Structures are given as C-alpha cells and as structure tokens.
Amino acid sequence: MSEFLDDEHQLMDEQEFEESKDITEGISINDPINTLALHKMVLVERGTTIQTVIEKFQAEKVACVLVRDEKLYGIFTERDVIMKLA
C-alpha cells in the first residue's frame, strides 16, 4: 500500500508541476470563483467501494470525489485514504 501511495504522490506532484507551467496571471482573493480553471467533479454513490473510488482517482486524474445519496452526502479525498487506511 505504501508503494502505491508513493506512486500516487509522485504522479500528483508531476501533474501539479505541469499545471503550474500554464499559469500566466495571478488571481486575487476578491476574484469570483468562476475565474478559476476548476476541474470537473466526479460523483460516486454512497455505497461505492473505496477500491473503486481509488480507481476513479487514477482514471479521472482527480484528488477527490463528491459522494451522493440522493443529495450531496460528502466529499472523499486522497487524504481520507491516507489518514483512514494507512
């Protein structure tokens, strides 16, 4: 599991570096949220297995998913995986 997490952290660092090269202009705390280039959100049902969610992290190249149970139930992040499963 530790090897998997190390690989994930390295991949995240590489993606962050690639994304940061595209930054051409700073933003202000007063700018509206829609000025940011936000990532698409990935939704999963509340009963989805953690393994499936981790696979979605990798496939969709995201660090969190929205969890729903008819309504929004919560957010599950890579940090949740590290803190709760390690």
PDB file of N, CA and C in Angstrom:
ATOM      1  N   MET A   1       0.833  -1.199   0.000  1.00  0.00           N
ATOM      2  CA  MET A   1       0.000   0.000   0.000  1.00  0.00           C
ATOM      3  C   MET A   1       0.871   1.254   0.000  1.00  0.00           C
ATOM      4  N   SER A   2       1.975   1.219   0.767  1.00  0.00           N
ATOM      5  CA  SER A   2       2.865   2.367   0.841  1.00  0.00           C
ATOM      6  C   SER A   2       3.454   2.698  -0.523  1.00  0.00           C
ATOM      7  N   GLU A   3       3.820   1.672  -1.271  1.00  0.00           N
ATOM      8  CA  GLU A   3       4.381   1.878  -2.606  1.00  0.00           C
ATOM      9  C   GLU A   3       3.343   2.544  -3.516  1.00  0.00           C
ATOM     10  N   PHE A   4       2.102   2.104  -3.401  1.00  0.00           N
ATOM     11  CA  PHE A   4       1.011   2.687  -4.182  1.00  0.00           C
ATOM     12  C   PHE A   4       0.864   4.173  -3.865  1.00  0.00           C
ATOM     13  N   LEU A   5       0.889   4.517  -2.569  1.00  0.00           N
ATOM     14  CA  LEU A   5       0.727   5.911  -2.166  1.00  0.00           C
ATOM     15  C   LEU A   5       1.901   6.758  -2.625  1.00  0.00           C
ATOM     16  N   ASP A   6       3.124   6.201  -2.573  1.00  0.00           N
ATOM     17  CA  ASP A   6       4.296   6.926  -3.064  1.00  0.00           C
ATOM     18  C   ASP A   6       4.147   7.236  -4.547  1.00  0.00           C
ATOM     19  N   ASP A   7       3.693   6.252  -5.312  1.00  0.00           N
ATOM     20  CA  ASP A   7       3.476   6.454  -6.747  1.00  0.00           C
ATOM     21  C   ASP A   7       2.416   7.523  -6.993  1.00  0.00           C
ATOM     22  N   GLU A   8       1.352   7.492  -6.199  1.00  0.00           N
ATOM     23  CA  GLU A   8       0.280   8.477  -6.348  1.00  0.00           C
ATOM     24  C   GLU A   8       0.788   9.882  -6.037  1.00  0.00           C
ATOM     25  N   HIS A   9       1.583  10.018  -4.973  1.00  0.00           N
ATOM     26  CA  HIS A   9       2.126  11.333  -4.620  1.00  0.00           C
ATOM     27  C   HIS A   9       3.039  11.859  -5.717  1.00  0.00           C
ATOM     28  N   GLN A  10       3.857  10.990  -6.277  1.00  0.00           N
ATOM     29  CA  GLN A  10       4.743  11.403  -7.357  1.00  0.00           C
ATOM     30  C   GLN A  10       3.924  11.863  -8.565  1.00  0.00           C
ATOM     31  N   LEU A  11       2.890  11.116  -8.904  1.00  0.00           N
ATOM     32  CA  LEU A  11       2.027  11.485 -10.029  1.00  0.00           C
ATOM     33  C   LEU A  11       1.351  12.831  -9.776  1.00  0.00           C
ATOM     34  N   MET A  12       0.869  13.048  -8.555  1.00  0.00           N
ATOM     35  CA  MET A  12       0.233  14.316  -8.211  1.00  0.00           C
ATOM     36  C   MET A  12       1.221  15.472  -8.337  1.00  0.00           C
ATOM     37  N   ASP A  13       2.454  15.270  -7.853  1.00  0.00           N
ATOM     38  CA  ASP A  13       3.472  16.310  -7.951  1.00  0.00           C
ATOM     39  C   ASP A  13       3.770  16.651  -9.403  1.00  0.00           C
ATOM     40  N   GLU A  14       3.882  15.631 -10.240  1.00  0.00           N
ATOM     41  CA  GLU A  14       4.157  15.858 -11.660  1.00  0.00           C
ATOM     42  C   GLU A  14       3.007  16.610 -12.326  1.00  0.00           C
ATOM     43  N   GLN A  15       1.774  16.234 -12.003  1.00  0.00           N
ATOM     44  CA  GLN A  15       0.615  16.911 -12.589  1.00  0.00           C
ATOM     45  C   GLN A  15       0.544  18.362 -12.129  1.00  0.00           C
ATOM     46  N   GLU A  16       0.824  18.591 -10.855  1.00  0.00           N
ATOM     47  CA  GLU A  16       0.791  19.950 -10.323  1.00  0.00           C
ATOM     48  C   GLU A  16       1.845  20.813 -11.013  1.00  0.00           C
ATOM     49  N   PHE A  17       3.037  20.252 -11.229  1.00  0.00           N
ATOM     50  CA  PHE A  17       4.098  20.987 -11.910  1.00  0.00           C
ATOM     51  C   PHE A  17       3.677  21.332 -13.330  1.00  0.00           C
ATOM     52  N   GLU A  18       3.092  20.368 -14.034  1.00  0.00           N
ATOM     53  CA  GLU A  18       2.642  20.611 -15.407  1.00  0.00           C
ATOM     54  C   GLU A  18       1.576  21.698 -15.440  1.00  0.00           C
ATOM     55  N   GLU A  19       0.647  21.656 -14.495  1.00  0.00           N
ATOM     56  CA  GLU A  19      -0.421  22.649 -14.459  1.00  0.00           C
ATOM     57  C   GLU A  19       0.121  24.026 -14.119  1.00  0.00           C
ATOM     58  N   SER A  20       1.119  24.095 -13.233  1.00  0.00           N
ATOM     59  CA  SER A  20       1.641  25.388 -12.808  1.00  0.00           C
ATOM     60  C   SER A  20       2.387  26.096 -13.928  1.00  0.00           C
ATOM     61  N   LYS A  21       2.873  25.360 -14.932  1.00  0.00           N
ATOM     62  CA  LYS A  21       3.556  25.986 -16.055  1.00  0.00           C
ATOM     63  C   LYS A  21       2.581  26.804 -16.897  1.00  0.00           C
ATOM     64  N   ASP A  22       1.302  26.497 -16.817  1.00  0.00           N
ATOM     65  CA  ASP A  22       0.295  27.188 -17.613  1.00  0.00           C
ATOM     66  C   ASP A  22      -0.200  28.484 -16.965  1.00  0.00           C
ATOM     67  N   ILE A  23       0.217  28.749 -15.754  1.00  0.00           N
ATOM     68  CA  ILE A  23      -0.253  29.941 -15.053  1.00  0.00           C
ATOM     69  C   ILE A  23       0.370  31.174 -15.705  1.00  0.00           C
ATOM     70  N   THR A  24      -0.475  32.061 -16.186  1.00  0.00           N
ATOM     71  CA  THR A  24       0.026  33.258 -16.855  1.00  0.00           C
ATOM     72  C   THR A  24      -0.347  34.525 -16.101  1.00  0.00           C
ATOM     73  N   GLU A  25      -1.255  34.422 -15.165  1.00  0.00           N
ATOM     74  CA  GLU A  25      -1.748  35.599 -14.479  1.00  0.00           C
ATOM     75  C   GLU A  25      -2.157  35.221 -13.061  1.00  0.00           C
ATOM     76  N   GLY A  26      -1.832  36.081 -12.111  1.00  0.00           N
ATOM     77  CA  GLY A  26      -2.208  35.831 -10.732  1.00  0.00           C
ATOM     78  C   GLY A  26      -3.682  36.120 -10.510  1.00  0.00           C
ATOM     79  N   ILE A  27      -4.183  35.628  -9.405  1.00  0.00           N
ATOM     80  CA  ILE A  27      -5.569  35.912  -9.045  1.00  0.00           C
ATOM     81  C   ILE A  27      -5.586  36.571  -7.682  1.00  0.00           C
ATOM     82  N   SER A  28      -6.666  37.199  -7.382  1.00  0.00           N
ATOM     83  CA  SER A  28      -6.847  37.872  -6.107  1.00  0.00           C
ATOM     84  C   SER A  28      -7.887  37.122  -5.290  1.00  0.00           C
ATOM     85  N   ILE A  29      -7.795  37.241  -4.005  1.00  0.00           N
ATOM     86  CA  ILE A  29      -8.784  36.617  -3.120  1.00  0.00           C
ATOM     87  C   ILE A  29     -10.174  37.206  -3.366  1.00  0.00           C
ATOM     88  N   ASN A  30     -10.236  38.380  -3.961  1.00  0.00           N
ATOM     89  CA  ASN A  30     -11.515  39.033  -4.248  1.00  0.00           C
ATOM     90  C   ASN A  30     -12.106  38.639  -5.594  1.00  0.00           C
ATOM     91  N   ASP A  31     -11.356  37.888  -6.399  1.00  0.00           N
ATOM     92  CA  ASP A  31     -11.872  37.435  -7.693  1.00  0.00           C
ATOM     93  C   ASP A  31     -12.989  36.414  -7.477  1.00  0.00           C
ATOM     94  N   PRO A  32     -13.989  36.395  -8.363  1.00  0.00           N
ATOM     95  CA  PRO A  32     -15.047  35.384  -8.241  1.00  0.00           C
ATOM     96  C   PRO A  32     -14.510  33.986  -8.547  1.00  0.00           C
ATOM     97  N   ILE A  33     -15.118  32.990  -7.958  1.00  0.00           N
ATOM     98  CA  ILE A  33     -14.670  31.601  -8.108  1.00  0.00           C
ATOM     99  C   ILE A  33     -14.692  31.159  -9.569  1.00  0.00           C
ATOM    100  N   ASN A  34     -15.581  31.723 -10.371  1.00  0.00           N
ATOM    101  CA  ASN A  34     -15.667  31.296 -11.771  1.00  0.00           C
ATOM    102  C   ASN A  34     -14.479  31.756 -12.614  1.00  0.00           C
ATOM    103  N   THR A  35     -13.574  32.554 -12.051  1.00  0.00           N
ATOM    104  CA  THR A  35     -12.368  32.933 -12.787  1.00  0.00           C
ATOM    105  C   THR A  35     -11.306  31.838 -12.731  1.00  0.00           C
ATOM    106  N   LEU A  36     -11.491  30.880 -11.857  1.00  0.00           N
ATOM    107  CA  LEU A  36     -10.538  29.775 -11.740  1.00  0.00           C
ATOM    108  C   LEU A  36     -10.849  28.694 -12.764  1.00  0.00           C
ATOM    109  N   ALA A  37      -9.817  28.011 -13.187  1.00  0.00           N
ATOM    110  CA  ALA A  37      -9.998  26.867 -14.091  1.00  0.00           C
ATOM    111  C   ALA A  37     -10.248  25.639 -13.219  1.00  0.00           C
ATOM    112  N   LEU A  38     -11.486  25.460 -12.808  1.00  0.00           N
ATOM    113  CA  LEU A  38     -11.825  24.362 -11.909  1.00  0.00           C
ATOM    114  C   LEU A  38     -11.898  23.046 -12.669  1.00  0.00           C
ATOM    115  N   HIS A  39     -11.541  21.970 -11.975  1.00  0.00           N
ATOM    116  CA  HIS A  39     -11.611  20.636 -12.562  1.00  0.00           C
ATOM    117  C   HIS A  39     -13.054  20.139 -12.516  1.00  0.00           C
ATOM    118  N   LYS A  40     -13.363  19.237 -13.410  1.00  0.00           N
ATOM    119  CA  LYS A  40     -14.691  18.632 -13.372  1.00  0.00           C
ATOM    120  C   LYS A  40     -14.826  17.822 -12.083  1.00  0.00           C
ATOM    121  N   MET A  41     -16.038  17.711 -11.601  1.00  0.00           N
ATOM    122  CA  MET A  41     -16.275  16.950 -10.385  1.00  0.00           C
ATOM    123  C   MET A  41     -16.725  15.542 -10.749  1.00  0.00           C
ATOM    124  N   VAL A  42     -16.232  14.590  -9.984  1.00  0.00           N
ATOM    125  CA  VAL A  42     -16.593  13.192 -10.181  1.00  0.00           C
ATOM    126  C   VAL A  42     -17.540  12.806  -9.053  1.00  0.00           C
ATOM    127  N   LEU A  43     -18.673  12.234  -9.412  1.00  0.00           N
ATOM    128  CA  LEU A  43     -19.678  11.815  -8.436  1.00  0.00           C
ATOM    129  C   LEU A  43     -19.656  10.308  -8.262  1.00  0.00           C
ATOM    130  N   VAL A  44     -19.811   9.857  -7.021  1.00  0.00           N
ATOM    131  CA  VAL A  44     -19.978   8.430  -6.736  1.00  0.00           C
ATOM    132  C   VAL A  44     -21.147   8.282  -5.774  1.00  0.00           C
ATOM    133  N   GLU A  45     -21.762   7.127  -5.806  1.00  0.00           N
ATOM    134  CA  GLU A  45     -22.844   6.836  -4.866  1.00  0.00           C
ATOM    135  C   GLU A  45     -22.248   6.462  -3.514  1.00  0.00           C
ATOM    136  N   ARG A  46     -23.008   6.664  -2.465  1.00  0.00           N
ATOM    137  CA  ARG A  46     -22.548   6.424  -1.101  1.00  0.00           C
ATOM    138  C   ARG A  46     -22.071   4.989  -0.887  1.00  0.00           C
ATOM    139  N   GLY A  47     -22.619   4.025  -1.592  1.00  0.00           N
ATOM    140  CA  GLY A  47     -22.245   2.624  -1.416  1.00  0.00           C
ATOM    141  C   GLY A  47     -21.040   2.177  -2.239  1.00  0.00           C
ATOM    142  N   THR A  48     -20.412   3.081  -2.967  1.00  0.00           N
ATOM    143  CA  THR A  48     -19.260   2.736  -3.805  1.00  0.00           C
ATOM    144  C   THR A  48     -18.096   2.284  -2.930  1.00  0.00           C
ATOM    145  N   THR A  49     -17.390   1.221  -3.356  1.00  0.00           N
ATOM    146  CA  THR A  49     -16.260   0.734  -2.560  1.00  0.00           C
ATOM    147  C   THR A  49     -15.088   1.702  -2.640  1.00  0.00           C
ATOM    148  N   ILE A  50     -14.272   1.685  -1.602  1.00  0.00           N
ATOM    149  CA  ILE A  50     -13.086   2.536  -1.568  1.00  0.00           C
ATOM    150  C   ILE A  50     -12.153   2.178  -2.716  1.00  0.00           C
ATOM    151  N   GLN A  51     -12.033   0.899  -3.024  1.00  0.00           N
ATOM    152  CA  GLN A  51     -11.187   0.480  -4.140  1.00  0.00           C
ATOM    153  C   GLN A  51     -11.657   1.126  -5.447  1.00  0.00           C
ATOM    154  N   THR A  52     -12.948   1.126  -5.670  1.00  0.00           N
ATOM    155  CA  THR A  52     -13.497   1.741  -6.881  1.00  0.00           C
ATOM    156  C   THR A  52     -13.222   3.241  -6.905  1.00  0.00           C
ATOM    157  N   VAL A  53     -13.345   3.886  -5.754  1.00  0.00           N
ATOM    158  CA  VAL A  53     -13.074   5.322  -5.681  1.00  0.00           C
ATOM    159  C   VAL A  53     -11.604   5.605  -6.005  1.00  0.00           C
ATOM    160  N   ILE A  54     -10.697   4.805  -5.460  1.00  0.00           N
ATOM    161  CA  ILE A  54      -9.269   4.983  -5.751  1.00  0.00           C
ATOM    162  C   ILE A  54      -9.016   4.810  -7.246  1.00  0.00           C
ATOM    163  N   GLU A  55      -9.667   3.840  -7.853  1.00  0.00           N
ATOM    164  CA  GLU A  55      -9.532   3.642  -9.300  1.00  0.00           C
ATOM    165  C   GLU A  55     -10.056   4.859 -10.068  1.00  0.00           C
ATOM    166  N   LYS A  56     -11.131   5.474  -9.567  1.00  0.00           N
ATOM    167  CA  LYS A  56     -11.657   6.691 -10.200  1.00  0.00           C
ATOM    168  C   LYS A  56     -10.668   7.843 -10.054  1.00  0.00           C
ATOM    169  N   PHE A  57     -10.019   7.955  -8.881  1.00  0.00           N
ATOM    170  CA  PHE A  57      -8.986   8.977  -8.703  1.00  0.00           C
ATOM    171  C   PHE A  57      -7.966   8.874  -9.828  1.00  0.00           C
ATOM    172  N   GLN A  58      -7.513   7.651 -10.076  1.00  0.00           N
ATOM    173  CA  GLN A  58      -6.484   7.433 -11.094  1.00  0.00           C
ATOM    174  C   GLN A  58      -7.020   7.665 -12.504  1.00  0.00           C
ATOM    175  N   ALA A  59      -8.161   7.095 -12.806  1.00  0.00           N
ATOM    176  CA  ALA A  59      -8.712   7.180 -14.162  1.00  0.00           C
ATOM    177  C   ALA A  59      -9.095   8.610 -14.539  1.00  0.00           C
ATOM    178  N   GLU A  60      -9.677   9.329 -13.602  1.00  0.00           N
ATOM    179  CA  GLU A  60     -10.161  10.685 -13.877  1.00  0.00           C
ATOM    180  C   GLU A  60      -9.123  11.755 -13.551  1.00  0.00           C
ATOM    181  N   LYS A  61      -7.994  11.332 -12.944  1.00  0.00           N
ATOM    182  CA  LYS A  61      -6.918  12.257 -12.546  1.00  0.00           C
ATOM    183  C   LYS A  61      -7.454  13.359 -11.636  1.00  0.00           C
ATOM    184  N   VAL A  62      -8.167  12.923 -10.588  1.00  0.00           N
ATOM    185  CA  VAL A  62      -8.710  13.840  -9.590  1.00  0.00           C
ATOM    186  C   VAL A  62      -8.234  13.404  -8.212  1.00  0.00           C
ATOM    187  N   ALA A  63      -8.334  14.312  -7.253  1.00  0.00           N
ATOM    188  CA  ALA A  63      -7.901  14.018  -5.895  1.00  0.00           C
ATOM    189  C   ALA A  63      -9.072  13.897  -4.928  1.00  0.00           C
ATOM    190  N   CYS A  64     -10.291  14.070  -5.448  1.00  0.00           N
ATOM    191  CA  CYS A  64     -11.455  13.919  -4.584  1.00  0.00           C
ATOM    192  C   CYS A  64     -12.673  13.576  -5.431  1.00  0.00           C
ATOM    193  N   VAL A  65     -13.671  13.026  -4.765  1.00  0.00           N
ATOM    194  CA  VAL A  65     -14.950  12.750  -5.409  1.00  0.00           C
ATOM    195  C   VAL A  65     -16.062  13.278  -4.513  1.00  0.00           C
ATOM    196  N   LEU A  66     -17.159  13.655  -5.140  1.00  0.00           N
ATOM    197  CA  LEU A  66     -18.355  14.014  -4.389  1.00  0.00           C
ATOM    198  C   LEU A  66     -19.152  12.741  -4.170  1.00  0.00           C
ATOM    199  N   VAL A  67     -19.605  12.541  -2.942  1.00  0.00           N
ATOM    200  CA  VAL A  67     -20.373  11.348  -2.593  1.00  0.00           C
ATOM    201  C   VAL A  67     -21.829  11.769  -2.442  1.00  0.00           C
ATOM    202  N   ARG A  68     -22.716  11.019  -3.102  1.00  0.00           N
ATOM    203  CA  ARG A  68     -24.127  11.385  -3.017  1.00  0.00           C
ATOM    204  C   ARG A  68     -24.971  10.194  -2.574  1.00  0.00           C
ATOM    205  N   ASP A  69     -26.066  10.534  -1.957  1.00  0.00           N
ATOM    206  CA  ASP A  69     -27.080   9.575  -1.537  1.00  0.00           C
ATOM    207  C   ASP A  69     -28.404  10.316  -1.721  1.00  0.00           C
ATOM    208  N   GLU A  70     -28.853  10.403  -2.961  1.00  0.00           N
ATOM    209  CA  GLU A  70     -29.938  11.265  -3.424  1.00  0.00           C
ATOM    210  C   GLU A  70     -29.499  12.725  -3.426  1.00  0.00           C
ATOM    211  N   LYS A  71     -29.012  13.239  -2.306  1.00  0.00           N
ATOM    212  CA  LYS A  71     -28.434  14.580  -2.217  1.00  0.00           C
ATOM    213  C   LYS A  71     -26.935  14.431  -1.982  1.00  0.00           C
ATOM    214  N   LEU A  72     -26.226  15.543  -2.024  1.00  0.00           N
ATOM    215  CA  LEU A  72     -24.800  15.513  -1.716  1.00  0.00           C
ATOM    216  C   LEU A  72     -24.612  15.039  -0.286  1.00  0.00           C
ATOM    217  N   TYR A  73     -23.798  14.007  -0.111  1.00  0.00           N
ATOM    218  CA  TYR A  73     -23.568  13.419   1.203  1.00  0.00           C
ATOM    219  C   TYR A  73     -22.241  13.888   1.786  1.00  0.00           C
ATOM    220  N   GLY A  74     -21.223  14.038   0.929  1.00  0.00           N
ATOM    221  CA  GLY A  74     -19.926  14.468   1.415  1.00  0.00           C
ATOM    222  C   GLY A  74     -18.880  14.463   0.318  1.00  0.00           C
ATOM    223  N   ILE A  75     -17.642  14.680   0.737  1.00  0.00           N
ATOM    224  CA  ILE A  75     -16.500  14.674  -0.168  1.00  0.00           C
ATOM    225  C   ILE A  75     -15.502  13.663   0.366  1.00  0.00           C
ATOM    226  N   PHE A  76     -14.988  12.808  -0.511  1.00  0.00           N
ATOM    227  CA  PHE A  76     -13.971  11.822  -0.143  1.00  0.00           C
ATOM    228  C   PHE A  76     -12.710  12.181  -0.914  1.00  0.00           C
ATOM    229  N   THR A  77     -11.584  12.316  -0.204  1.00  0.00           N
ATOM    230  CA  THR A  77     -10.347  12.792  -0.812  1.00  0.00           C
ATOM    231  C   THR A  77      -9.230  11.765  -0.693  1.00  0.00           C
ATOM    232  N   GLU A  78      -8.152  12.015  -1.441  1.00  0.00           N
ATOM    233  CA  GLU A  78      -6.966  11.171  -1.301  1.00  0.00           C
ATOM    234  C   GLU A  78      -6.445  11.223   0.133  1.00  0.00           C
ATOM    235  N   ARG A  79      -6.586  12.354   0.771  1.00  0.00           N
ATOM    236  CA  ARG A  79      -6.141  12.479   2.166  1.00  0.00           C
ATOM    237  C   ARG A  79      -6.934  11.531   3.067  1.00  0.00           C
ATOM    238  N   ASP A  80      -8.209  11.368   2.793  1.00  0.00           N
ATOM    239  CA  ASP A  80      -9.014  10.410   3.552  1.00  0.00           C
ATOM    240  C   ASP A  80      -8.435   9.008   3.421  1.00  0.00           C
ATOM    241  N   VAL A  81      -8.005   8.655   2.221  1.00  0.00           N
ATOM    242  CA  VAL A  81      -7.401   7.334   2.004  1.00  0.00           C
ATOM    243  C   VAL A  81      -6.158   7.199   2.868  1.00  0.00           C
ATOM    244  N   ILE A  82      -5.297   8.209   2.821  1.00  0.00           N
ATOM    245  CA  ILE A  82      -4.032   8.152   3.559  1.00  0.00           C
ATOM    246  C   ILE A  82      -4.272   8.106   5.061  1.00  0.00           C
ATOM    247  N   MET A  83      -5.149   8.972   5.557  1.00  0.00           N
ATOM    248  CA  MET A  83      -5.351   9.086   7.005  1.00  0.00           C
ATOM    249  C   MET A  83      -6.168   7.936   7.588  1.00  0.00           C
ATOM    250  N   LYS A  84      -7.100   7.403   6.835  1.00  0.00           N
ATOM    251  CA  LYS A  84      -8.004   6.402   7.394  1.00  0.00           C
ATOM    252  C   LYS A  84      -7.628   4.974   7.061  1.00  0.00           C
ATOM    253  N   LEU A  85      -6.830   4.775   6.012  1.00  0.00           N
ATOM    254  CA  LEU A  85      -6.490   3.412   5.611  1.00  0.00           C
ATOM    255  C   LEU A  85      -5.031   3.054   5.849  1.00  0.00           C
ATOM    256  N   ALA A  86      -4.213   4.030   6.155  1.00  0.00           N
ATOM    257  CA  ALA A  86      -2.781   3.755   6.336  1.00  0.00           C
ATOM    258  C   ALA A  86      -2.506   3.160   7.697  1.00  0.00           C
TER     259      ALA A  86
END
